[in-house]
Amino acid sequence: MLERNESRVDRLIRATLGAGLLWSGLAPFYAGGARRRRIALALAGGVLLFTAITGHCMIYSLTGISTYKR
């Protein structure tokens, strides 16, 4: 199991940004921009949503950062 290293505020910000990026990348009416750009937005949003759901950020782990308050 992944150890939590994100605070509630951190997770809320990640979830909000992740949902926005994912929606921007996958929205059918969003015809502007290149296909690669939309795929990149969707992937970035998915990663942010995943880290928000799990409460674990691999970059935080690698750098020894933790915003989680026990």
PDB file of N, CA and C in Angstrom:
ATOM      1  N   MET A   1       0.838  -1.183   0.000  1.00  0.00           N
ATOM      2  CA  MET A   1       0.000   0.000   0.000  1.00  0.00           C
ATOM      3  C   MET A   1       0.882   1.245   0.000  1.00  0.00           C
ATOM      4  N   LEU A   2       0.405   2.252  -0.646  1.00  0.00           N
ATOM      5  CA  LEU A   2       1.156   3.497  -0.749  1.00  0.00           C
ATOM      6  C   LEU A   2       0.943   4.342   0.505  1.00  0.00           C
ATOM      7  N   GLU A   3       2.041   4.879   1.022  1.00  0.00           N
ATOM      8  CA  GLU A   3       1.963   5.724   2.206  1.00  0.00           C
ATOM      9  C   GLU A   3       1.518   7.125   1.796  1.00  0.00           C
ATOM     10  N   ARG A   4       0.568   7.677   2.521  1.00  0.00           N
ATOM     11  CA  ARG A   4       0.089   9.023   2.211  1.00  0.00           C
ATOM     12  C   ARG A   4       1.166  10.056   2.467  1.00  0.00           C
ATOM     13  N   ASN A   5       1.253  11.006   1.549  1.00  0.00           N
ATOM     14  CA  ASN A   5       2.188  12.115   1.730  1.00  0.00           C
ATOM     15  C   ASN A   5       1.594  13.429   1.214  1.00  0.00           C
ATOM     16  N   GLU A   6       0.266  13.463   1.081  1.00  0.00           N
ATOM     17  CA  GLU A   6      -0.427  14.669   0.625  1.00  0.00           C
ATOM     18  C   GLU A   6      -1.490  15.073   1.651  1.00  0.00           C
ATOM     19  N   SER A   7      -1.571  16.383   1.900  1.00  0.00           N
ATOM     20  CA  SER A   7      -2.590  16.893   2.810  1.00  0.00           C
ATOM     21  C   SER A   7      -3.946  16.955   2.101  1.00  0.00           C
ATOM     22  N   ARG A   8      -4.982  17.228   2.845  1.00  0.00           N
ATOM     23  CA  ARG A   8      -6.327  17.352   2.246  1.00  0.00           C
ATOM     24  C   ARG A   8      -6.393  18.482   1.242  1.00  0.00           C
ATOM     25  N   VAL A   9      -5.774  19.606   1.575  1.00  0.00           N
ATOM     26  CA  VAL A   9      -5.778  20.754   0.658  1.00  0.00           C
ATOM     27  C   VAL A   9      -5.028  20.394  -0.616  1.00  0.00           C
ATOM     28  N   ASP A  10      -3.892  19.756  -0.482  1.00  0.00           N
ATOM     29  CA  ASP A  10      -3.101  19.311  -1.631  1.00  0.00           C
ATOM     30  C   ASP A  10      -3.927  18.378  -2.518  1.00  0.00           C
ATOM     31  N   ARG A  11      -4.626  17.439  -1.914  1.00  0.00           N
ATOM     32  CA  ARG A  11      -5.450  16.495  -2.667  1.00  0.00           C
ATOM     33  C   ARG A  11      -6.622  17.189  -3.351  1.00  0.00           C
ATOM     34  N   LEU A  12      -7.218  18.160  -2.690  1.00  0.00           N
ATOM     35  CA  LEU A  12      -8.333  18.898  -3.275  1.00  0.00           C
ATOM     36  C   LEU A  12      -7.879  19.702  -4.495  1.00  0.00           C
ATOM     37  N   ILE A  13      -6.732  20.350  -4.376  1.00  0.00           N
ATOM     38  CA  ILE A  13      -6.193  21.113  -5.504  1.00  0.00           C
ATOM     39  C   ILE A  13      -5.872  20.181  -6.670  1.00  0.00           C
ATOM     40  N   ARG A  14      -5.239  19.049  -6.380  1.00  0.00           N
ATOM     41  CA  ARG A  14      -4.908  18.084  -7.428  1.00  0.00           C
ATOM     42  C   ARG A  14      -6.166  17.535  -8.099  1.00  0.00           C
ATOM     43  N   ALA A  15      -7.186  17.236  -7.315  1.00  0.00           N
ATOM     44  CA  ALA A  15      -8.427  16.705  -7.882  1.00  0.00           C
ATOM     45  C   ALA A  15      -9.109  17.728  -8.784  1.00  0.00           C
ATOM     46  N   THR A  16      -9.133  18.973  -8.353  1.00  0.00           N
ATOM     47  CA  THR A  16      -9.758  20.029  -9.146  1.00  0.00           C
ATOM     48  C   THR A  16      -9.007  20.260 -10.456  1.00  0.00           C
ATOM     49  N   LEU A  17      -7.691  20.417 -10.357  1.00  0.00           N
ATOM     50  CA  LEU A  17      -6.883  20.616 -11.564  1.00  0.00           C
ATOM     51  C   LEU A  17      -6.925  19.389 -12.472  1.00  0.00           C
ATOM     52  N   GLY A  18      -6.855  18.216 -11.873  1.00  0.00           N
ATOM     53  CA  GLY A  18      -6.882  16.985 -12.650  1.00  0.00           C
ATOM     54  C   GLY A  18      -8.177  16.811 -13.413  1.00  0.00           C
ATOM     55  N   ALA A  19      -9.292  17.084 -12.753  1.00  0.00           N
ATOM     56  CA  ALA A  19     -10.589  16.962 -13.425  1.00  0.00           C
ATOM     57  C   ALA A  19     -10.700  17.967 -14.565  1.00  0.00           C
ATOM     58  N   GLY A  20     -10.219  19.182 -14.336  1.00  0.00           N
ATOM     59  CA  GLY A  20     -10.260  20.198 -15.386  1.00  0.00           C
ATOM     60  C   GLY A  20      -9.406  19.836 -16.585  1.00  0.00           C
ATOM     61  N   LEU A  21      -8.201  19.347 -16.332  1.00  0.00           N
ATOM     62  CA  LEU A  21      -7.312  18.961 -17.432  1.00  0.00           C
ATOM     63  C   LEU A  21      -7.853  17.745 -18.187  1.00  0.00           C
ATOM     64  N   LEU A  22      -8.346  16.779 -17.435  1.00  0.00           N
ATOM     65  CA  LEU A  22      -8.908  15.589 -18.076  1.00  0.00           C
ATOM     66  C   LEU A  22     -10.104  15.960 -18.935  1.00  0.00           C
ATOM     67  N   TRP A  23     -10.965  16.791 -18.403  1.00  0.00           N
ATOM     68  CA  TRP A  23     -12.151  17.222 -19.156  1.00  0.00           C
ATOM     69  C   TRP A  23     -11.752  18.008 -20.403  1.00  0.00           C
ATOM     70  N   SER A  24     -10.761  18.884 -20.268  1.00  0.00           N
ATOM     71  CA  SER A  24     -10.303  19.662 -21.419  1.00  0.00           C
ATOM     72  C   SER A  24      -9.711  18.771 -22.506  1.00  0.00           C
ATOM     73  N   GLY A  25      -9.029  17.733 -22.102  1.00  0.00           N
ATOM     74  CA  GLY A  25      -8.421  16.837 -23.067  1.00  0.00           C
ATOM     75  C   GLY A  25      -9.399  15.901 -23.740  1.00  0.00           C
ATOM     76  N   LEU A  26     -10.486  15.561 -23.041  1.00  0.00           N
ATOM     77  CA  LEU A  26     -11.419  14.571 -23.566  1.00  0.00           C
ATOM     78  C   LEU A  26     -12.755  15.139 -24.042  1.00  0.00           C
ATOM     79  N   ALA A  27     -13.004  16.404 -23.775  1.00  0.00           N
ATOM     80  CA  ALA A  27     -14.294  16.997 -24.142  1.00  0.00           C
ATOM     81  C   ALA A  27     -14.509  16.942 -25.654  1.00  0.00           C
ATOM     82  N   PRO A  28     -15.633  16.407 -26.113  1.00  0.00           N
ATOM     83  CA  PRO A  28     -15.866  16.251 -27.548  1.00  0.00           C
ATOM     84  C   PRO A  28     -15.999  17.576 -28.298  1.00  0.00           C
ATOM     85  N   PHE A  29     -16.479  18.607 -27.620  1.00  0.00           N
ATOM     86  CA  PHE A  29     -16.660  19.886 -28.306  1.00  0.00           C
ATOM     87  C   PHE A  29     -15.361  20.674 -28.375  1.00  0.00           C
ATOM     88  N   TYR A  30     -14.357  20.231 -27.697  1.00  0.00           N
ATOM     89  CA  TYR A  30     -13.073  20.930 -27.692  1.00  0.00           C
ATOM     90  C   TYR A  30     -12.303  20.518 -28.945  1.00  0.00           C
ATOM     91  N   ALA A  31     -12.551  21.207 -30.032  1.00  0.00           N
ATOM     92  CA  ALA A  31     -11.941  20.837 -31.303  1.00  0.00           C
ATOM     93  C   ALA A  31     -10.631  21.569 -31.542  1.00  0.00           C
ATOM     94  N   GLY A  32     -10.367  22.616 -30.780  1.00  0.00           N
ATOM     95  CA  GLY A  32      -9.136  23.375 -30.978  1.00  0.00           C
ATOM     96  C   GLY A  32      -7.925  22.631 -30.463  1.00  0.00           C
ATOM     97  N   GLY A  33      -6.788  22.963 -30.982  1.00  0.00           N
ATOM     98  CA  GLY A  33      -5.546  22.352 -30.525  1.00  0.00           C
ATOM     99  C   GLY A  33      -5.254  21.037 -31.213  1.00  0.00           C
ATOM    100  N   ALA A  34      -4.015  20.661 -31.168  1.00  0.00           N
ATOM    101  CA  ALA A  34      -3.574  19.427 -31.797  1.00  0.00           C
ATOM    102  C   ALA A  34      -3.999  18.221 -30.969  1.00  0.00           C
ATOM    103  N   ARG A  35      -4.073  17.085 -31.619  1.00  0.00           N
ATOM    104  CA  ARG A  35      -4.482  15.857 -30.934  1.00  0.00           C
ATOM    105  C   ARG A  35      -3.489  15.496 -29.829  1.00  0.00           C
ATOM    106  N   ARG A  36      -2.193  15.675 -30.096  1.00  0.00           N
ATOM    107  CA  ARG A  36      -1.171  15.363 -29.091  1.00  0.00           C
ATOM    108  C   ARG A  36      -1.338  16.236 -27.850  1.00  0.00           C
ATOM    109  N   ARG A  37      -1.706  17.471 -28.060  1.00  0.00           N
ATOM    110  CA  ARG A  37      -1.913  18.386 -26.924  1.00  0.00           C
ATOM    111  C   ARG A  37      -3.080  17.921 -26.067  1.00  0.00           C
ATOM    112  N   ARG A  38      -4.165  17.499 -26.722  1.00  0.00           N
ATOM    113  CA  ARG A  38      -5.324  17.017 -25.963  1.00  0.00           C
ATOM    114  C   ARG A  38      -5.004  15.730 -25.217  1.00  0.00           C
ATOM    115  N   ILE A  39      -4.213  14.852 -25.830  1.00  0.00           N
ATOM    116  CA  ILE A  39      -3.812  13.613 -25.157  1.00  0.00           C
ATOM    117  C   ILE A  39      -2.936  13.935 -23.950  1.00  0.00           C
ATOM    118  N   ALA A  40      -2.022  14.893 -24.109  1.00  0.00           N
ATOM    119  CA  ALA A  40      -1.155  15.293 -22.994  1.00  0.00           C
ATOM    120  C   ALA A  40      -1.973  15.881 -21.847  1.00  0.00           C
ATOM    121  N   LEU A  41      -2.968  16.702 -22.171  1.00  0.00           N
ATOM    122  CA  LEU A  41      -3.841  17.265 -21.130  1.00  0.00           C
ATOM    123  C   LEU A  41      -4.582  16.163 -20.390  1.00  0.00           C
ATOM    124  N   ALA A  42      -5.126  15.211 -21.134  1.00  0.00           N
ATOM    125  CA  ALA A  42      -5.879  14.114 -20.520  1.00  0.00           C
ATOM    126  C   ALA A  42      -4.973  13.257 -19.636  1.00  0.00           C
ATOM    127  N   LEU A  43      -3.768  12.963 -20.084  1.00  0.00           N
ATOM    128  CA  LEU A  43      -2.840  12.166 -19.275  1.00  0.00           C
ATOM    129  C   LEU A  43      -2.419  12.903 -18.000  1.00  0.00           C
ATOM    130  N   ALA A  44      -2.114  14.176 -18.136  1.00  0.00           N
ATOM    131  CA  ALA A  44      -1.733  14.960 -16.956  1.00  0.00           C
ATOM    132  C   ALA A  44      -2.888  15.014 -15.953  1.00  0.00           C
ATOM    133  N   GLY A  45      -4.102  15.203 -16.460  1.00  0.00           N
ATOM    134  CA  GLY A  45      -5.266  15.213 -15.584  1.00  0.00           C
ATOM    135  C   GLY A  45      -5.481  13.878 -14.904  1.00  0.00           C
ATOM    136  N   GLY A  46      -5.278  12.799 -15.636  1.00  0.00           N
ATOM    137  CA  GLY A  46      -5.424  11.457 -15.056  1.00  0.00           C
ATOM    138  C   GLY A  46      -4.416  11.197 -13.952  1.00  0.00           C
ATOM    139  N   VAL A  47      -3.184  11.627 -14.160  1.00  0.00           N
ATOM    140  CA  VAL A  47      -2.149  11.453 -13.136  1.00  0.00           C
ATOM    141  C   VAL A  47      -2.502  12.255 -11.884  1.00  0.00           C
ATOM    142  N   LEU A  48      -2.936  13.489 -12.071  1.00  0.00           N
ATOM    143  CA  LEU A  48      -3.313  14.309 -10.911  1.00  0.00           C
ATOM    144  C   LEU A  48      -4.496  13.712 -10.165  1.00  0.00           C
ATOM    145  N   LEU A  49      -5.474  13.200 -10.889  1.00  0.00           N
ATOM    146  CA  LEU A  49      -6.615  12.559 -10.229  1.00  0.00           C
ATOM    147  C   LEU A  49      -6.190  11.304  -9.478  1.00  0.00           C
ATOM    148  N   PHE A  50      -5.310  10.515 -10.066  1.00  0.00           N
ATOM    149  CA  PHE A  50      -4.827   9.307  -9.402  1.00  0.00           C
ATOM    150  C   PHE A  50      -4.112   9.645  -8.096  1.00  0.00           C
ATOM    151  N   THR A  51      -3.238  10.654  -8.132  1.00  0.00           N
ATOM    152  CA  THR A  51      -2.521  11.024  -6.911  1.00  0.00           C
ATOM    153  C   THR A  51      -3.473  11.611  -5.872  1.00  0.00           C
ATOM    154  N   ALA A  52      -4.504  12.303  -6.312  1.00  0.00           N
ATOM    155  CA  ALA A  52      -5.481  12.851  -5.371  1.00  0.00           C
ATOM    156  C   ALA A  52      -6.276  11.736  -4.705  1.00  0.00           C
ATOM    157  N   ILE A  53      -6.635  10.728  -5.466  1.00  0.00           N
ATOM    158  CA  ILE A  53      -7.415   9.611  -4.918  1.00  0.00           C
ATOM    159  C   ILE A  53      -6.587   8.777  -3.944  1.00  0.00           C
ATOM    160  N   THR A  54      -5.348   8.480  -4.317  1.00  0.00           N
ATOM    161  CA  THR A  54      -4.500   7.641  -3.465  1.00  0.00           C
ATOM    162  C   THR A  54      -3.869   8.405  -2.308  1.00  0.00           C
ATOM    163  N   GLY A  55      -3.688   9.723  -2.472  1.00  0.00           N
ATOM    164  CA  GLY A  55      -3.040  10.509  -1.427  1.00  0.00           C
ATOM    165  C   GLY A  55      -1.532  10.345  -1.428  1.00  0.00           C
ATOM    166  N   HIS A  56      -1.001   9.773  -2.500  1.00  0.00           N
ATOM    167  CA  HIS A  56       0.436   9.515  -2.593  1.00  0.00           C
ATOM    168  C   HIS A  56       0.982  10.100  -3.884  1.00  0.00           C
ATOM    169  N   CYS A  57       2.054  10.868  -3.749  1.00  0.00           N
ATOM    170  CA  CYS A  57       2.730  11.445  -4.902  1.00  0.00           C
ATOM    171  C   CYS A  57       4.139  10.864  -4.969  1.00  0.00           C
ATOM    172  N   MET A  58       4.470  10.221  -6.083  1.00  0.00           N
ATOM    173  CA  MET A  58       5.775   9.595  -6.234  1.00  0.00           C
ATOM    174  C   MET A  58       6.904  10.634  -6.222  1.00  0.00           C
ATOM    175  N   ILE A  59       6.667  11.790  -6.793  1.00  0.00           N
ATOM    176  CA  ILE A  59       7.692  12.840  -6.785  1.00  0.00           C
ATOM    177  C   ILE A  59       7.957  13.309  -5.354  1.00  0.00           C
ATOM    178  N   TYR A  60       6.897  13.436  -4.554  1.00  0.00           N
ATOM    179  CA  TYR A  60       7.079  13.776  -3.148  1.00  0.00           C
ATOM    180  C   TYR A  60       7.920  12.705  -2.449  1.00  0.00           C
ATOM    181  N   SER A  61       7.643  11.435  -2.736  1.00  0.00           N
ATOM    182  CA  SER A  61       8.393  10.347  -2.114  1.00  0.00           C
ATOM    183  C   SER A  61       9.869  10.403  -2.482  1.00  0.00           C
ATOM    184  N   LEU A  62      10.149  10.642  -3.749  1.00  0.00           N
ATOM    185  CA  LEU A  62      11.537  10.668  -4.209  1.00  0.00           C
ATOM    186  C   LEU A  62      12.324  11.835  -3.619  1.00  0.00           C
ATOM    187  N   THR A  63      11.641  12.947  -3.361  1.00  0.00           N
ATOM    188  CA  THR A  63      12.322  14.132  -2.827  1.00  0.00           C
ATOM    189  C   THR A  63      12.209  14.264  -1.311  1.00  0.00           C
ATOM    190  N   GLY A  64      11.449  13.370  -0.676  1.00  0.00           N
ATOM    191  CA  GLY A  64      11.313  13.403   0.778  1.00  0.00           C
ATOM    192  C   GLY A  64      10.337  14.449   1.287  1.00  0.00           C
ATOM    193  N   ILE A  65       9.461  14.921   0.430  1.00  0.00           N
ATOM    194  CA  ILE A  65       8.477  15.930   0.815  1.00  0.00           C
ATOM    195  C   ILE A  65       7.199  15.257   1.294  1.00  0.00           C
ATOM    196  N   SER A  66       6.564  15.827   2.309  1.00  0.00           N
ATOM    197  CA  SER A  66       5.275  15.345   2.765  1.00  0.00           C
ATOM    198  C   SER A  66       4.473  16.518   3.305  1.00  0.00           C
ATOM    199  N   THR A  67       3.259  16.693   2.782  1.00  0.00           N
ATOM    200  CA  THR A  67       2.377  17.715   3.304  1.00  0.00           C
ATOM    201  C   THR A  67       1.304  17.105   4.203  1.00  0.00           C
ATOM    202  N   TYR A  68       1.330  15.796   4.367  1.00  0.00           N
ATOM    203  CA  TYR A  68       0.340  15.074   5.157  1.00  0.00           C
ATOM    204  C   TYR A  68       0.569  15.298   6.638  1.00  0.00           C
ATOM    205  N   LYS A  69      -0.483  15.703   7.319  1.00  0.00           N
ATOM    206  CA  LYS A  69      -0.421  15.918   8.775  1.00  0.00           C
ATOM    207  C   LYS A  69      -1.108  14.729   9.456  1.00  0.00           C
ATOM    208  N   ARG A  70      -0.383  14.048  10.295  1.00  0.00           N
ATOM    209  CA  ARG A  70      -0.943  12.857  10.981  1.00  0.00           C
ATOM    210  C   ARG A  70      -1.708  13.226  12.200  1.00  0.00           C
TER     211      ARG A  70
END
